[in-house]
């Protein structure tokens, strides 16, 4: 389903999109099995242009639910580190549900679309990572019961994940923690031991 959004206030459109994504993710989480040996069945995979993207903001708003249900989140951002302090601001113990963050540094990978993959059945696609999130002509597709689409999207996510640069685990982030991260320069080793270029 492609949603066409009428002209209006950009912030209202972003908020509406965020609420739709929250409802979509919450409905998918409700379908998670109570117990399973397959961790991927209770994991959310997400690709977001920035911390200001509705998909990222929806995950922040869902932190208490994610923590209560023990849901793990793996998130890839486009190269937009400057806004990650805003994303992690206000993080508390519930932030432990948002486990891993990576950053796409290779501009060739920014043709990927924003995504939200909830377990093995639900997947949402949004605009390209290159596109301004404040545009009014939004593209999004919701597939609530589409195991094959979710499997295919998860495969693509794993390939993007492998080519993205590890950043920080969100539990380690607090609103003042980014000030302690050393400036990026050639040969500077990041928090995960990866050399930052």
N, C-alpha and C. Protein backbone atom coordinates (compact mmCIF):
# COMPACT_ATOMS: atom_id res chain seq x y z
N UNK A 1 0.85 -1.17 0.00
CA UNK A 1 0.00 0.00 0.00
C UNK A 1 0.89 1.23 0.00
N UNK A 2 0.68 2.13 -0.93
CA UNK A 2 1.42 3.39 -0.97
C UNK A 2 0.51 4.47 -0.42
N UNK A 3 1.01 5.23 0.54
CA UNK A 3 0.22 6.28 1.16
C UNK A 3 0.57 7.60 0.53
N UNK A 4 -0.43 8.31 0.02
CA UNK A 4 -0.22 9.64 -0.52
C UNK A 4 -0.70 10.63 0.51
N UNK A 5 0.16 11.56 0.84
CA UNK A 5 -0.14 12.50 1.91
C UNK A 5 -0.50 13.85 1.30
N UNK A 6 -1.65 14.43 1.69
CA UNK A 6 -2.03 15.73 1.15
C UNK A 6 -1.11 16.82 1.68
N UNK A 7 -1.07 17.98 0.97
CA UNK A 7 -0.24 19.08 1.45
C UNK A 7 -0.63 19.49 2.85
N UNK A 8 0.34 19.90 3.62
CA UNK A 8 0.08 20.33 4.99
C UNK A 8 1.36 20.69 5.68
N UNK A 9 1.28 20.91 6.97
CA UNK A 9 2.45 21.26 7.77
C UNK A 9 3.39 20.07 7.83
N UNK A 10 4.68 20.29 7.52
CA UNK A 10 5.66 19.21 7.47
C UNK A 10 5.80 18.50 8.80
N UNK A 11 5.81 19.25 9.91
CA UNK A 11 5.97 18.60 11.22
C UNK A 11 4.75 17.77 11.57
N UNK A 12 3.55 18.23 11.17
CA UNK A 12 2.34 17.43 11.41
C UNK A 12 2.40 16.12 10.62
N UNK A 13 2.89 16.20 9.38
CA UNK A 13 3.01 15.00 8.55
C UNK A 13 3.99 14.02 9.17
N UNK A 14 5.12 14.52 9.65
CA UNK A 14 6.12 13.65 10.28
C UNK A 14 5.55 13.01 11.54
N UNK A 15 4.80 13.77 12.31
CA UNK A 15 4.20 13.22 13.54
C UNK A 15 3.17 12.16 13.21
N UNK A 16 2.37 12.41 12.19
CA UNK A 16 1.38 11.42 11.76
C UNK A 16 2.07 10.14 11.33
N UNK A 17 3.14 10.29 10.56
CA UNK A 17 3.89 9.13 10.10
C UNK A 17 4.49 8.37 11.28
N UNK A 18 5.02 9.11 12.24
CA UNK A 18 5.59 8.48 13.44
C UNK A 18 4.54 7.66 14.19
N UNK A 19 3.33 8.20 14.34
CA UNK A 19 2.27 7.48 15.05
C UNK A 19 1.83 6.24 14.29
N UNK A 20 1.79 6.32 12.97
CA UNK A 20 1.44 5.12 12.18
C UNK A 20 2.50 4.04 12.37
N UNK A 21 3.77 4.44 12.38
CA UNK A 21 4.85 3.48 12.57
C UNK A 21 4.82 2.87 13.97
N UNK A 22 4.52 3.68 14.97
CA UNK A 22 4.40 3.15 16.33
C UNK A 22 3.30 2.09 16.40
N UNK A 23 2.15 2.40 15.82
CA UNK A 23 1.03 1.44 15.84
C UNK A 23 1.39 0.17 15.07
N UNK A 24 2.06 0.33 13.93
CA UNK A 24 2.47 -0.81 13.12
C UNK A 24 3.44 -1.71 13.89
N UNK A 25 4.46 -1.10 14.52
CA UNK A 25 5.44 -1.87 15.28
C UNK A 25 4.79 -2.53 16.48
N UNK A 26 3.93 -1.80 17.19
CA UNK A 26 3.27 -2.36 18.38
C UNK A 26 2.41 -3.56 18.00
N UNK A 27 1.70 -3.47 16.88
CA UNK A 27 0.88 -4.61 16.44
C UNK A 27 1.75 -5.80 16.10
N UNK A 28 2.91 -5.56 15.48
CA UNK A 28 3.83 -6.66 15.17
C UNK A 28 4.41 -7.29 16.42
N UNK A 29 4.74 -6.46 17.41
CA UNK A 29 5.31 -6.97 18.67
C UNK A 29 4.30 -7.84 19.39
N UNK A 30 3.03 -7.48 19.31
CA UNK A 30 1.98 -8.29 19.95
C UNK A 30 1.92 -9.71 19.40
N UNK A 31 2.38 -9.89 18.16
CA UNK A 31 2.37 -11.22 17.53
C UNK A 31 3.63 -12.02 17.84
N UNK A 32 4.60 -11.41 18.54
CA UNK A 32 5.82 -12.14 18.87
C UNK A 32 5.49 -13.34 19.75
N UNK A 33 6.17 -14.47 19.54
CA UNK A 33 5.94 -15.64 20.39
C UNK A 33 6.39 -15.36 21.83
N UNK A 34 5.68 -15.95 22.79
CA UNK A 34 6.02 -15.73 24.20
C UNK A 34 7.40 -16.30 24.51
N UNK A 35 7.70 -17.47 23.98
CA UNK A 35 9.03 -18.07 24.17
C UNK A 35 9.48 -18.65 22.84
N UNK A 36 10.76 -18.49 22.56
CA UNK A 36 11.31 -19.02 21.33
C UNK A 36 12.82 -19.14 21.45
N UNK A 37 13.38 -20.10 20.73
CA UNK A 37 14.84 -20.24 20.66
C UNK A 37 15.42 -19.38 19.55
N UNK A 38 14.53 -18.85 18.70
CA UNK A 38 14.96 -18.05 17.56
C UNK A 38 14.89 -16.57 17.94
N UNK A 39 16.04 -15.97 18.26
CA UNK A 39 16.07 -14.56 18.67
C UNK A 39 15.57 -13.63 17.58
N UNK A 40 15.77 -14.00 16.32
CA UNK A 40 15.35 -13.11 15.24
C UNK A 40 13.83 -12.97 15.19
N UNK A 41 13.11 -13.92 15.80
CA UNK A 41 11.65 -13.84 15.81
C UNK A 41 11.16 -12.72 16.71
N UNK A 42 12.00 -12.26 17.62
CA UNK A 42 11.62 -11.19 18.54
C UNK A 42 12.58 -10.00 18.42
N UNK A 43 13.04 -9.76 17.22
CA UNK A 43 13.97 -8.67 16.96
C UNK A 43 13.36 -7.70 15.95
N UNK A 44 13.64 -6.42 16.14
CA UNK A 44 13.26 -5.40 15.18
C UNK A 44 14.52 -4.92 14.48
N UNK A 45 14.48 -4.89 13.16
CA UNK A 45 15.57 -4.37 12.35
C UNK A 45 15.08 -3.06 11.75
N UNK A 46 15.91 -2.03 11.76
CA UNK A 46 15.48 -0.74 11.24
C UNK A 46 16.60 -0.04 10.50
N UNK A 47 16.23 0.67 9.46
CA UNK A 47 17.15 1.52 8.71
C UNK A 47 16.50 2.90 8.70
N UNK A 48 17.24 3.91 9.16
CA UNK A 48 16.69 5.26 9.24
C UNK A 48 17.69 6.27 8.69
N UNK A 49 17.17 7.30 8.07
CA UNK A 49 18.04 8.34 7.52
C UNK A 49 18.77 9.05 8.65
N UNK A 50 18.05 9.39 9.71
CA UNK A 50 18.65 10.10 10.83
C UNK A 50 17.82 9.84 12.08
N UNK A 51 18.31 10.36 13.20
CA UNK A 51 17.56 10.22 14.45
C UNK A 51 16.26 11.01 14.42
N UNK A 52 16.13 11.92 13.47
CA UNK A 52 14.90 12.70 13.33
C UNK A 52 13.87 11.99 12.46
N UNK A 53 14.25 10.90 11.82
CA UNK A 53 13.31 10.16 10.98
C UNK A 53 12.17 9.61 11.82
N UNK A 54 10.96 9.60 11.27
CA UNK A 54 9.83 9.06 12.04
C UNK A 54 10.06 7.64 12.52
N UNK A 55 10.75 6.80 11.75
CA UNK A 55 10.98 5.42 12.18
C UNK A 55 11.86 5.39 13.43
N UNK A 56 12.89 6.23 13.50
CA UNK A 56 13.75 6.29 14.68
C UNK A 56 12.99 6.87 15.87
N UNK A 57 12.21 7.90 15.62
CA UNK A 57 11.43 8.53 16.70
C UNK A 57 10.37 7.57 17.23
N UNK A 58 9.79 6.75 16.34
CA UNK A 58 8.81 5.76 16.79
C UNK A 58 9.46 4.73 17.71
N UNK A 59 10.68 4.30 17.38
CA UNK A 59 11.37 3.33 18.23
C UNK A 59 11.71 3.93 19.60
N UNK A 60 12.08 5.21 19.62
CA UNK A 60 12.35 5.87 20.90
C UNK A 60 11.07 5.91 21.73
N UNK A 61 9.95 6.26 21.12
CA UNK A 61 8.68 6.34 21.84
C UNK A 61 8.25 4.97 22.36
N UNK A 62 8.67 3.90 21.68
CA UNK A 62 8.29 2.54 22.08
C UNK A 62 9.27 1.91 23.07
N UNK A 63 10.29 2.65 23.53
CA UNK A 63 11.30 2.06 24.42
C UNK A 63 10.70 1.30 25.60
N UNK A 64 9.71 1.85 26.33
CA UNK A 64 9.17 1.08 27.46
C UNK A 64 8.57 -0.26 27.04
N UNK A 65 7.85 -0.26 25.91
CA UNK A 65 7.25 -1.51 25.41
C UNK A 65 8.33 -2.50 25.01
N UNK A 66 9.35 -2.00 24.30
CA UNK A 66 10.44 -2.86 23.86
C UNK A 66 11.16 -3.48 25.05
N UNK A 67 11.41 -2.69 26.07
CA UNK A 67 12.09 -3.19 27.27
C UNK A 67 11.22 -4.21 28.00
N UNK A 68 9.94 -3.91 28.11
CA UNK A 68 9.03 -4.82 28.83
C UNK A 68 8.91 -6.17 28.14
N UNK A 69 8.96 -6.17 26.82
CA UNK A 69 8.81 -7.41 26.05
C UNK A 69 10.15 -8.07 25.74
N UNK A 70 11.27 -7.42 26.10
CA UNK A 70 12.58 -7.99 25.83
C UNK A 70 12.92 -8.00 24.35
N UNK A 71 12.45 -7.00 23.62
CA UNK A 71 12.68 -6.92 22.18
C UNK A 71 14.04 -6.29 21.91
N UNK A 72 14.81 -6.92 21.07
CA UNK A 72 16.11 -6.39 20.66
C UNK A 72 15.93 -5.59 19.37
N UNK A 73 16.62 -4.46 19.27
CA UNK A 73 16.56 -3.63 18.07
C UNK A 73 17.97 -3.46 17.51
N UNK A 74 18.09 -3.67 16.22
CA UNK A 74 19.33 -3.38 15.49
C UNK A 74 19.01 -2.30 14.49
N UNK A 75 19.77 -1.20 14.55
CA UNK A 75 19.42 0.00 13.80
C UNK A 75 20.60 0.51 12.99
N UNK A 76 20.36 0.80 11.72
CA UNK A 76 21.37 1.40 10.85
C UNK A 76 20.92 2.82 10.53
N UNK A 77 21.81 3.79 10.78
CA UNK A 77 21.57 5.18 10.41
C UNK A 77 22.41 5.53 9.20
N UNK A 78 21.92 6.48 8.39
CA UNK A 78 22.77 7.11 7.39
C UNK A 78 23.79 7.94 8.15
N UNK A 79 24.82 8.43 7.49
CA UNK A 79 25.89 9.16 8.15
C UNK A 79 25.36 10.47 8.72
N UNK A 80 24.89 10.44 9.94
CA UNK A 80 24.27 11.60 10.56
C UNK A 80 24.54 11.59 12.05
N UNK A 81 25.80 11.46 12.42
CA UNK A 81 26.17 11.33 13.83
C UNK A 81 25.74 12.52 14.66
N UNK A 82 25.70 13.69 14.05
CA UNK A 82 25.42 14.92 14.80
C UNK A 82 24.09 14.84 15.55
N UNK A 83 23.14 14.06 15.04
CA UNK A 83 21.84 14.02 15.70
C UNK A 83 21.68 12.83 16.64
N UNK A 84 22.69 11.98 16.76
CA UNK A 84 22.54 10.82 17.62
C UNK A 84 22.46 11.19 19.10
N UNK A 85 23.03 12.33 19.49
CA UNK A 85 22.90 12.74 20.88
C UNK A 85 21.43 13.02 21.20
N UNK A 86 20.70 13.59 20.24
CA UNK A 86 19.27 13.82 20.43
C UNK A 86 18.53 12.49 20.53
N UNK A 87 18.94 11.53 19.70
CA UNK A 87 18.29 10.22 19.69
C UNK A 87 18.45 9.52 21.04
N UNK A 88 19.63 9.67 21.66
CA UNK A 88 19.90 8.98 22.91
C UNK A 88 19.53 9.80 24.13
N UNK A 89 19.18 11.07 23.96
CA UNK A 89 18.84 11.92 25.11
C UNK A 89 17.65 11.32 25.85
N UNK A 90 17.74 11.34 27.16
CA UNK A 90 16.67 10.81 27.98
C UNK A 90 16.69 9.30 28.09
N UNK A 91 17.74 8.67 27.57
CA UNK A 91 17.84 7.22 27.66
C UNK A 91 17.97 6.81 29.12
N UNK A 92 17.25 5.78 29.48
CA UNK A 92 17.33 5.25 30.84
C UNK A 92 17.50 3.75 30.73
N UNK A 93 17.10 3.00 31.75
CA UNK A 93 17.26 1.54 31.70
C UNK A 93 16.49 0.92 30.54
N UNK A 94 15.38 1.55 30.15
CA UNK A 94 14.60 0.99 29.04
C UNK A 94 15.36 1.07 27.72
N UNK A 95 16.40 1.91 27.66
CA UNK A 95 17.18 2.02 26.43
C UNK A 95 17.94 0.73 26.15
N UNK A 96 18.06 -0.14 27.14
CA UNK A 96 18.76 -1.40 26.93
C UNK A 96 18.09 -2.24 25.85
N UNK A 97 16.81 -1.94 25.57
CA UNK A 97 16.13 -2.70 24.53
C UNK A 97 16.61 -2.31 23.14
N UNK A 98 17.25 -1.14 23.02
CA UNK A 98 17.79 -0.73 21.73
C UNK A 98 19.28 -1.05 21.76
N UNK A 99 19.64 -2.20 21.26
CA UNK A 99 20.98 -2.73 21.51
C UNK A 99 22.08 -2.20 20.62
N UNK A 100 21.90 -2.25 19.33
CA UNK A 100 23.04 -2.02 18.44
C UNK A 100 22.72 -0.97 17.38
N UNK A 101 23.70 -0.09 17.17
CA UNK A 101 23.56 0.97 16.18
C UNK A 101 24.78 0.93 15.27
N UNK A 102 24.54 1.03 13.97
CA UNK A 102 25.63 1.17 13.00
C UNK A 102 25.34 2.36 12.10
N UNK A 103 26.41 2.87 11.48
CA UNK A 103 26.31 4.05 10.64
C UNK A 103 26.77 3.69 9.22
N UNK A 104 26.00 4.11 8.23
CA UNK A 104 26.39 3.92 6.84
C UNK A 104 27.31 5.06 6.44
N UNK A 105 28.56 4.74 6.11
CA UNK A 105 29.50 5.78 5.70
C UNK A 105 29.64 5.85 4.18
N UNK A 106 29.42 4.74 3.53
CA UNK A 106 29.59 4.67 2.08
C UNK A 106 28.38 5.29 1.40
N UNK A 107 28.57 6.42 0.72
CA UNK A 107 27.46 7.13 0.10
C UNK A 107 26.74 6.28 -0.95
N UNK A 108 27.42 5.29 -1.50
CA UNK A 108 26.78 4.41 -2.50
C UNK A 108 25.68 3.55 -1.88
N UNK A 109 25.71 3.38 -0.57
CA UNK A 109 24.71 2.55 0.10
C UNK A 109 23.45 3.35 0.46
N UNK A 110 23.47 4.65 0.18
CA UNK A 110 22.34 5.49 0.58
C UNK A 110 21.17 5.45 -0.40
N UNK A 111 21.25 4.54 -1.36
CA UNK A 111 20.09 4.32 -2.21
C UNK A 111 19.11 3.37 -1.52
N UNK A 112 19.54 2.81 -0.40
CA UNK A 112 18.65 1.95 0.38
C UNK A 112 17.46 2.77 0.89
N UNK A 113 16.38 2.09 1.18
CA UNK A 113 15.20 2.76 1.72
C UNK A 113 15.15 2.59 3.22
N UNK A 114 14.51 3.55 3.88
CA UNK A 114 14.24 3.37 5.30
C UNK A 114 13.38 2.11 5.45
N UNK A 115 13.61 1.38 6.53
CA UNK A 115 12.88 0.13 6.74
C UNK A 115 12.58 -0.07 8.22
N UNK A 116 11.54 -0.83 8.47
CA UNK A 116 11.23 -1.31 9.81
C UNK A 116 10.75 -2.74 9.63
N UNK A 117 11.53 -3.69 10.13
CA UNK A 117 11.21 -5.11 9.99
C UNK A 117 10.92 -5.64 11.39
N UNK A 118 9.69 -6.05 11.62
CA UNK A 118 9.25 -6.47 12.95
C UNK A 118 9.11 -7.99 12.94
N UNK A 119 10.09 -8.67 13.55
CA UNK A 119 10.06 -10.13 13.58
C UNK A 119 10.14 -10.72 12.19
N UNK A 120 9.37 -11.80 11.98
CA UNK A 120 9.41 -12.52 10.71
C UNK A 120 8.22 -12.22 9.81
N UNK A 121 7.34 -11.28 10.22
CA UNK A 121 6.10 -11.14 9.45
C UNK A 121 5.79 -9.75 8.94
N UNK A 122 6.24 -8.71 9.62
CA UNK A 122 5.82 -7.36 9.27
C UNK A 122 7.00 -6.53 8.77
N UNK A 123 6.75 -5.76 7.71
CA UNK A 123 7.82 -4.90 7.18
C UNK A 123 7.20 -3.61 6.64
N UNK A 124 7.90 -2.51 6.90
CA UNK A 124 7.54 -1.20 6.38
C UNK A 124 8.71 -0.67 5.57
N UNK A 125 8.41 -0.04 4.44
CA UNK A 125 9.43 0.62 3.62
C UNK A 125 9.08 2.09 3.53
N UNK A 126 10.11 2.94 3.65
CA UNK A 126 9.92 4.38 3.50
C UNK A 126 10.82 4.94 2.42
N UNK A 127 11.03 6.24 2.46
CA UNK A 127 11.82 6.93 1.44
C UNK A 127 13.28 6.48 1.45
N UNK A 128 13.98 6.85 0.40
CA UNK A 128 15.41 6.58 0.29
C UNK A 128 16.18 7.32 1.37
N UNK A 129 17.32 6.77 1.77
CA UNK A 129 18.16 7.42 2.77
C UNK A 129 18.69 8.76 2.26
N UNK A 130 18.70 8.96 0.95
CA UNK A 130 19.18 10.22 0.38
C UNK A 130 18.15 11.33 0.48
N UNK A 131 16.92 10.99 0.70
CA UNK A 131 15.83 11.94 0.56
C UNK A 131 15.57 12.71 1.85
N UNK A 132 15.23 13.97 1.72
CA UNK A 132 14.93 14.82 2.87
C UNK A 132 13.66 14.32 3.56
N UNK A 133 13.75 14.05 4.86
CA UNK A 133 12.59 13.50 5.59
C UNK A 133 11.47 14.51 5.77
N UNK A 134 11.73 15.78 5.48
CA UNK A 134 10.71 16.81 5.68
C UNK A 134 9.89 17.09 4.42
N UNK A 135 10.15 16.35 3.36
CA UNK A 135 9.36 16.53 2.15
C UNK A 135 7.93 16.07 2.39
N UNK A 136 7.00 16.66 1.64
CA UNK A 136 5.60 16.32 1.86
C UNK A 136 5.14 15.14 1.02
N UNK A 137 5.83 14.83 -0.07
CA UNK A 137 5.40 13.71 -0.90
C UNK A 137 6.09 12.44 -0.41
N UNK A 138 5.56 11.91 0.65
CA UNK A 138 6.16 10.76 1.32
C UNK A 138 5.83 9.46 0.60
N UNK A 139 6.78 8.53 0.66
CA UNK A 139 6.55 7.19 0.14
C UNK A 139 6.62 6.25 1.33
N UNK A 140 5.65 5.38 1.46
CA UNK A 140 5.74 4.32 2.46
C UNK A 140 4.81 3.18 2.08
N UNK A 141 5.26 1.99 2.44
CA UNK A 141 4.47 0.78 2.22
C UNK A 141 4.45 -0.01 3.52
N UNK A 142 3.28 -0.47 3.92
CA UNK A 142 3.11 -1.29 5.11
C UNK A 142 2.70 -2.70 4.67
N UNK A 143 3.41 -3.71 5.18
CA UNK A 143 3.05 -5.11 4.94
C UNK A 143 2.99 -5.79 6.31
N UNK A 144 1.79 -5.90 6.86
CA UNK A 144 1.63 -6.40 8.23
C UNK A 144 1.73 -7.91 8.33
N UNK A 145 1.34 -8.61 7.30
CA UNK A 145 1.36 -10.07 7.35
C UNK A 145 1.99 -10.58 6.06
N UNK A 146 3.30 -10.40 5.96
CA UNK A 146 4.01 -10.73 4.73
C UNK A 146 5.35 -11.36 5.06
N UNK A 147 5.34 -12.65 5.48
CA UNK A 147 6.58 -13.30 5.88
C UNK A 147 7.65 -13.31 4.79
N UNK A 148 7.23 -13.48 3.53
CA UNK A 148 8.22 -13.52 2.46
C UNK A 148 8.87 -12.15 2.26
N UNK A 149 8.07 -11.08 2.30
CA UNK A 149 8.62 -9.73 2.17
C UNK A 149 9.54 -9.41 3.35
N UNK A 150 9.14 -9.84 4.55
CA UNK A 150 9.96 -9.59 5.74
C UNK A 150 11.28 -10.36 5.65
N UNK A 151 11.24 -11.58 5.15
CA UNK A 151 12.45 -12.39 5.00
C UNK A 151 13.40 -11.74 3.98
N UNK A 152 12.85 -11.29 2.87
CA UNK A 152 13.66 -10.64 1.84
C UNK A 152 14.25 -9.33 2.36
N UNK A 153 13.45 -8.55 3.08
CA UNK A 153 13.94 -7.28 3.65
C UNK A 153 15.02 -7.54 4.68
N UNK A 154 14.85 -8.59 5.49
CA UNK A 154 15.86 -8.92 6.51
C UNK A 154 17.18 -9.33 5.86
N UNK A 155 17.10 -10.04 4.74
CA UNK A 155 18.31 -10.42 4.01
C UNK A 155 19.05 -9.16 3.53
N UNK A 156 18.31 -8.21 2.97
CA UNK A 156 18.91 -6.95 2.53
C UNK A 156 19.48 -6.16 3.69
N UNK A 157 18.76 -6.18 4.82
CA UNK A 157 19.24 -5.47 6.01
C UNK A 157 20.58 -6.05 6.46
N UNK A 158 20.70 -7.37 6.48
CA UNK A 158 21.94 -8.00 6.94
C UNK A 158 23.12 -7.62 6.05
N UNK A 159 22.87 -7.49 4.76
CA UNK A 159 23.94 -7.07 3.85
C UNK A 159 24.35 -5.63 4.12
N UNK A 160 23.38 -4.76 4.37
CA UNK A 160 23.68 -3.37 4.71
C UNK A 160 24.39 -3.30 6.05
N UNK A 161 23.92 -4.07 7.02
CA UNK A 161 24.51 -4.13 8.36
C UNK A 161 26.00 -4.50 8.28
N UNK A 162 26.31 -5.48 7.44
CA UNK A 162 27.69 -5.95 7.31
C UNK A 162 28.60 -4.87 6.74
N UNK A 163 28.03 -3.95 5.97
CA UNK A 163 28.85 -2.91 5.34
C UNK A 163 28.80 -1.59 6.10
N UNK A 164 28.01 -1.53 7.17
CA UNK A 164 27.93 -0.31 7.98
C UNK A 164 28.98 -0.37 9.09
N UNK A 165 29.30 0.79 9.62
CA UNK A 165 30.34 0.89 10.65
C UNK A 165 29.72 0.81 12.04
N UNK A 166 30.24 -0.04 12.90
CA UNK A 166 29.71 -0.09 14.27
C UNK A 166 29.86 1.26 14.95
N UNK A 167 28.86 1.62 15.72
CA UNK A 167 28.93 2.88 16.46
C UNK A 167 28.99 2.53 17.94
N UNK A 168 27.99 2.94 18.71
CA UNK A 168 27.95 2.62 20.14
C UNK A 168 26.68 1.84 20.43
N UNK A 169 26.73 0.95 21.40
CA UNK A 169 25.52 0.32 21.88
C UNK A 169 24.73 1.39 22.62
N UNK A 170 23.45 1.52 22.33
CA UNK A 170 22.68 2.59 22.95
C UNK A 170 22.65 2.57 24.46
N UNK A 171 22.71 1.40 25.14
CA UNK A 171 22.75 1.46 26.59
C UNK A 171 23.94 2.26 27.10
N UNK A 172 25.01 2.34 26.30
CA UNK A 172 26.18 3.09 26.73
C UNK A 172 26.02 4.58 26.52
N UNK A 173 24.98 4.97 25.79
CA UNK A 173 24.78 6.38 25.49
C UNK A 173 23.91 7.05 26.53
N UNK A 174 24.34 8.19 26.95
CA UNK A 174 23.51 9.07 27.77
C UNK A 174 23.59 10.43 27.12
N UNK A 175 22.75 11.37 27.58
CA UNK A 175 22.69 12.65 26.89
C UNK A 175 24.01 13.39 26.90
N UNK A 176 24.90 13.09 27.87
CA UNK A 176 26.18 13.78 27.92
C UNK A 176 27.35 12.92 27.46
N UNK A 177 27.08 11.69 26.98
CA UNK A 177 28.18 10.76 26.70
C UNK A 177 28.91 11.06 25.40
N UNK A 178 28.24 11.70 24.44
CA UNK A 178 28.90 11.92 23.16
C UNK A 178 30.04 12.92 23.28
N UNK A 179 30.00 13.76 24.31
CA UNK A 179 31.10 14.71 24.51
C UNK A 179 32.40 13.96 24.81
N UNK A 180 32.27 12.74 25.34
CA UNK A 180 33.44 11.96 25.70
C UNK A 180 33.99 11.15 24.54
N UNK A 181 33.24 11.08 23.42
CA UNK A 181 33.70 10.32 22.27
C UNK A 181 34.79 11.12 21.57
N UNK A 182 35.98 10.53 21.35
CA UNK A 182 37.06 11.29 20.72
C UNK A 182 36.71 11.70 19.30
N UNK A 183 37.31 12.80 18.86
CA UNK A 183 37.07 13.29 17.51
C UNK A 183 37.54 12.24 16.51
N UNK A 184 36.83 12.15 15.37
CA UNK A 184 37.18 11.18 14.33
C UNK A 184 38.38 11.68 13.55
N UNK A 185 39.36 10.84 13.39
CA UNK A 185 40.50 11.14 12.53
C UNK A 185 41.12 9.83 12.09
N UNK A 186 41.92 9.89 11.06
CA UNK A 186 42.54 8.69 10.53
C UNK A 186 43.33 8.00 11.64
N UNK A 187 43.10 6.68 11.77
CA UNK A 187 43.83 5.90 12.77
C UNK A 187 43.20 5.94 14.15
N UNK A 188 42.13 6.70 14.32
CA UNK A 188 41.46 6.77 15.62
C UNK A 188 40.58 5.54 15.77
N UNK A 189 40.77 4.78 16.82
CA UNK A 189 40.01 3.57 17.02
C UNK A 189 38.71 3.89 17.73
N UNK A 190 37.61 3.40 17.19
CA UNK A 190 36.29 3.65 17.78
C UNK A 190 36.08 2.78 19.00
N UNK A 191 34.91 2.94 19.65
CA UNK A 191 34.63 2.23 20.88
C UNK A 191 34.57 0.72 20.72
N UNK A 192 34.34 0.24 19.50
CA UNK A 192 34.27 -1.21 19.30
C UNK A 192 35.58 -1.77 18.77
N UNK A 193 36.59 -0.93 18.72
CA UNK A 193 37.88 -1.38 18.22
C UNK A 193 38.04 -1.22 16.73
N UNK A 194 37.00 -0.69 16.08
CA UNK A 194 37.05 -0.48 14.63
C UNK A 194 37.76 0.83 14.34
N UNK A 195 38.63 0.83 13.37
CA UNK A 195 39.31 2.06 13.00
C UNK A 195 38.35 2.95 12.25
N UNK A 196 38.19 4.18 12.73
CA UNK A 196 37.32 5.14 12.07
C UNK A 196 38.10 5.90 11.01
N UNK A 197 37.52 6.03 9.84
CA UNK A 197 38.21 6.73 8.75
C UNK A 197 37.48 8.00 8.40
